N, C-alpha and C. Protein backbone atom coordinates (compact mmCIF):
# COMPACT_ATOMS: atom_id res chain seq x y z
N UNK A 1 -65.15 16.48 -26.81
CA UNK A 1 -64.95 17.89 -26.79
C UNK A 1 -65.57 18.44 -28.07
N UNK A 2 -66.29 19.53 -27.95
CA UNK A 2 -66.89 20.17 -29.12
C UNK A 2 -66.21 21.51 -29.38
N UNK A 3 -66.04 21.82 -30.66
CA UNK A 3 -65.51 23.13 -31.05
C UNK A 3 -66.41 23.69 -32.15
N UNK A 4 -66.50 25.01 -32.20
CA UNK A 4 -67.28 25.67 -33.25
C UNK A 4 -66.46 26.84 -33.77
N UNK A 5 -66.43 26.98 -35.10
CA UNK A 5 -65.73 28.10 -35.72
C UNK A 5 -66.69 28.82 -36.65
N UNK A 6 -66.79 30.14 -36.46
CA UNK A 6 -67.63 30.96 -37.33
C UNK A 6 -66.99 31.05 -38.72
N UNK A 7 -65.68 31.23 -38.74
CA UNK A 7 -64.92 31.28 -39.99
C UNK A 7 -64.08 30.01 -40.10
N UNK A 8 -64.13 29.36 -41.23
CA UNK A 8 -63.40 28.11 -41.42
C UNK A 8 -61.93 28.34 -41.75
N UNK A 9 -61.29 27.25 -42.14
CA UNK A 9 -59.87 27.30 -42.48
C UNK A 9 -59.09 26.32 -41.62
N UNK A 10 -57.79 26.42 -41.71
CA UNK A 10 -56.91 25.55 -40.93
C UNK A 10 -56.78 26.16 -39.53
N UNK A 11 -57.16 25.37 -38.51
CA UNK A 11 -57.19 25.89 -37.13
C UNK A 11 -56.41 24.97 -36.20
N UNK A 12 -55.75 25.59 -35.21
CA UNK A 12 -55.11 24.85 -34.13
C UNK A 12 -56.12 24.65 -33.02
N UNK A 13 -56.19 23.43 -32.49
CA UNK A 13 -57.07 23.10 -31.37
C UNK A 13 -56.20 22.66 -30.21
N UNK A 14 -56.34 23.32 -29.06
CA UNK A 14 -55.53 23.03 -27.88
C UNK A 14 -56.35 22.22 -26.89
N UNK A 15 -55.76 21.14 -26.39
CA UNK A 15 -56.43 20.23 -25.48
C UNK A 15 -56.04 20.54 -24.04
N UNK A 16 -56.88 20.18 -23.06
CA UNK A 16 -56.57 20.48 -21.66
C UNK A 16 -55.39 19.68 -21.11
N UNK A 17 -55.07 18.55 -21.74
CA UNK A 17 -53.92 17.73 -21.34
C UNK A 17 -53.58 16.82 -22.51
N UNK A 18 -52.54 16.01 -22.39
CA UNK A 18 -52.16 15.10 -23.47
C UNK A 18 -53.11 13.91 -23.53
N UNK A 19 -53.52 13.57 -24.75
CA UNK A 19 -54.38 12.41 -24.97
C UNK A 19 -53.70 11.45 -25.93
N UNK A 20 -53.93 10.15 -25.69
CA UNK A 20 -53.34 9.10 -26.52
C UNK A 20 -53.89 9.17 -27.93
N UNK A 21 -55.20 9.46 -28.05
CA UNK A 21 -55.83 9.50 -29.37
C UNK A 21 -56.97 10.51 -29.35
N UNK A 22 -57.09 11.29 -30.43
CA UNK A 22 -58.19 12.23 -30.61
C UNK A 22 -58.90 11.82 -31.90
N UNK A 23 -60.22 11.54 -31.78
CA UNK A 23 -60.99 11.00 -32.90
C UNK A 23 -62.15 11.93 -33.24
N UNK A 24 -62.29 12.28 -34.53
CA UNK A 24 -63.44 13.04 -35.01
C UNK A 24 -64.66 12.12 -34.96
N UNK A 25 -65.64 12.45 -34.14
CA UNK A 25 -66.80 11.58 -33.91
C UNK A 25 -67.66 11.42 -35.17
N UNK A 26 -67.76 12.46 -35.99
CA UNK A 26 -68.64 12.40 -37.16
C UNK A 26 -68.15 11.47 -38.25
N UNK A 27 -66.82 11.33 -38.40
CA UNK A 27 -66.31 10.46 -39.47
C UNK A 27 -65.34 9.38 -38.98
N UNK A 28 -65.19 9.24 -37.66
CA UNK A 28 -64.34 8.21 -37.04
C UNK A 28 -62.89 8.30 -37.50
N UNK A 29 -62.43 9.52 -37.80
CA UNK A 29 -61.06 9.75 -38.26
C UNK A 29 -60.17 10.14 -37.07
N UNK A 30 -59.03 9.48 -36.94
CA UNK A 30 -58.05 9.85 -35.91
C UNK A 30 -57.36 11.12 -36.40
N UNK A 31 -57.46 12.19 -35.61
CA UNK A 31 -56.85 13.46 -36.01
C UNK A 31 -55.55 13.74 -35.28
N UNK A 32 -55.30 13.02 -34.16
CA UNK A 32 -54.04 13.22 -33.44
C UNK A 32 -53.78 12.03 -32.53
N UNK A 33 -52.50 11.78 -32.26
CA UNK A 33 -52.10 10.74 -31.32
C UNK A 33 -51.02 11.31 -30.41
N UNK A 34 -51.12 10.98 -29.12
CA UNK A 34 -50.15 11.45 -28.12
C UNK A 34 -49.94 12.95 -28.25
N UNK A 35 -51.03 13.70 -28.14
CA UNK A 35 -50.98 15.13 -28.43
C UNK A 35 -51.67 15.96 -27.37
N UNK A 36 -51.18 17.20 -27.23
CA UNK A 36 -51.84 18.22 -26.41
C UNK A 36 -52.52 19.25 -27.30
N UNK A 37 -52.26 19.16 -28.59
CA UNK A 37 -52.89 20.05 -29.57
C UNK A 37 -52.86 19.37 -30.93
N UNK A 38 -53.70 19.86 -31.84
CA UNK A 38 -53.69 19.36 -33.21
C UNK A 38 -54.21 20.45 -34.14
N UNK A 39 -53.97 20.27 -35.42
CA UNK A 39 -54.42 21.20 -36.45
C UNK A 39 -55.34 20.45 -37.40
N UNK A 40 -56.46 21.08 -37.77
CA UNK A 40 -57.39 20.44 -38.69
C UNK A 40 -58.03 21.52 -39.56
N UNK A 41 -58.63 21.10 -40.66
CA UNK A 41 -59.32 22.02 -41.57
C UNK A 41 -60.81 22.03 -41.26
N UNK A 42 -61.39 23.23 -41.16
CA UNK A 42 -62.79 23.39 -40.82
C UNK A 42 -63.50 24.21 -41.90
N UNK A 43 -64.79 23.94 -42.08
CA UNK A 43 -65.63 24.67 -43.04
C UNK A 43 -66.08 25.99 -42.41
N UNK A 44 -66.82 26.80 -43.18
CA UNK A 44 -67.37 28.07 -42.69
C UNK A 44 -68.88 28.00 -42.72
N UNK A 45 -69.56 28.07 -41.61
CA UNK A 45 -69.13 27.79 -40.24
C UNK A 45 -69.00 26.28 -40.05
N UNK A 46 -68.45 25.87 -38.91
CA UNK A 46 -68.26 24.44 -38.66
C UNK A 46 -68.31 24.14 -37.17
N UNK A 47 -68.91 23.01 -36.85
CA UNK A 47 -68.90 22.47 -35.50
C UNK A 47 -68.37 21.05 -35.59
N UNK A 48 -67.45 20.71 -34.71
CA UNK A 48 -66.87 19.36 -34.70
C UNK A 48 -66.89 18.82 -33.28
N UNK A 49 -67.05 17.51 -33.17
CA UNK A 49 -67.00 16.85 -31.87
C UNK A 49 -65.89 15.81 -31.92
N UNK A 50 -65.01 15.87 -30.92
CA UNK A 50 -63.87 14.96 -30.85
C UNK A 50 -63.96 14.12 -29.59
N UNK A 51 -63.67 12.83 -29.74
CA UNK A 51 -63.56 11.93 -28.58
C UNK A 51 -62.10 11.94 -28.16
N UNK A 52 -61.87 12.22 -26.87
CA UNK A 52 -60.52 12.28 -26.32
C UNK A 52 -60.27 10.98 -25.58
N UNK A 53 -59.34 10.17 -26.08
CA UNK A 53 -59.10 8.83 -25.52
C UNK A 53 -57.75 8.76 -24.82
N UNK A 54 -57.76 8.11 -23.66
CA UNK A 54 -56.50 7.80 -22.97
C UNK A 54 -55.73 8.99 -22.47
N UNK A 55 -56.42 9.88 -21.78
CA UNK A 55 -55.74 11.03 -21.22
C UNK A 55 -54.89 10.67 -20.02
N UNK A 56 -53.86 11.45 -19.81
CA UNK A 56 -52.97 11.27 -18.67
C UNK A 56 -53.79 11.33 -17.38
N UNK A 57 -53.67 10.34 -16.54
CA UNK A 57 -54.40 10.31 -15.28
C UNK A 57 -55.81 9.77 -15.38
N UNK A 58 -56.28 9.42 -16.58
CA UNK A 58 -57.62 8.82 -16.74
C UNK A 58 -57.62 7.40 -16.21
N UNK A 59 -58.76 6.96 -15.76
CA UNK A 59 -58.87 5.59 -15.26
C UNK A 59 -59.38 4.68 -16.31
């Protein structure tokens, strides 16, 4: 999942469903576990890509 913010700061990111693990692809940092949302700090401007692992109903 990719997100882009024109203005940085601490932002809430809402996911389409609960995921076992959310990982920032650029730095391989786990940003959330067993979550439907998470909060992270973003630069101005900033684009981030997150890998969503183990979603409910995923095969």
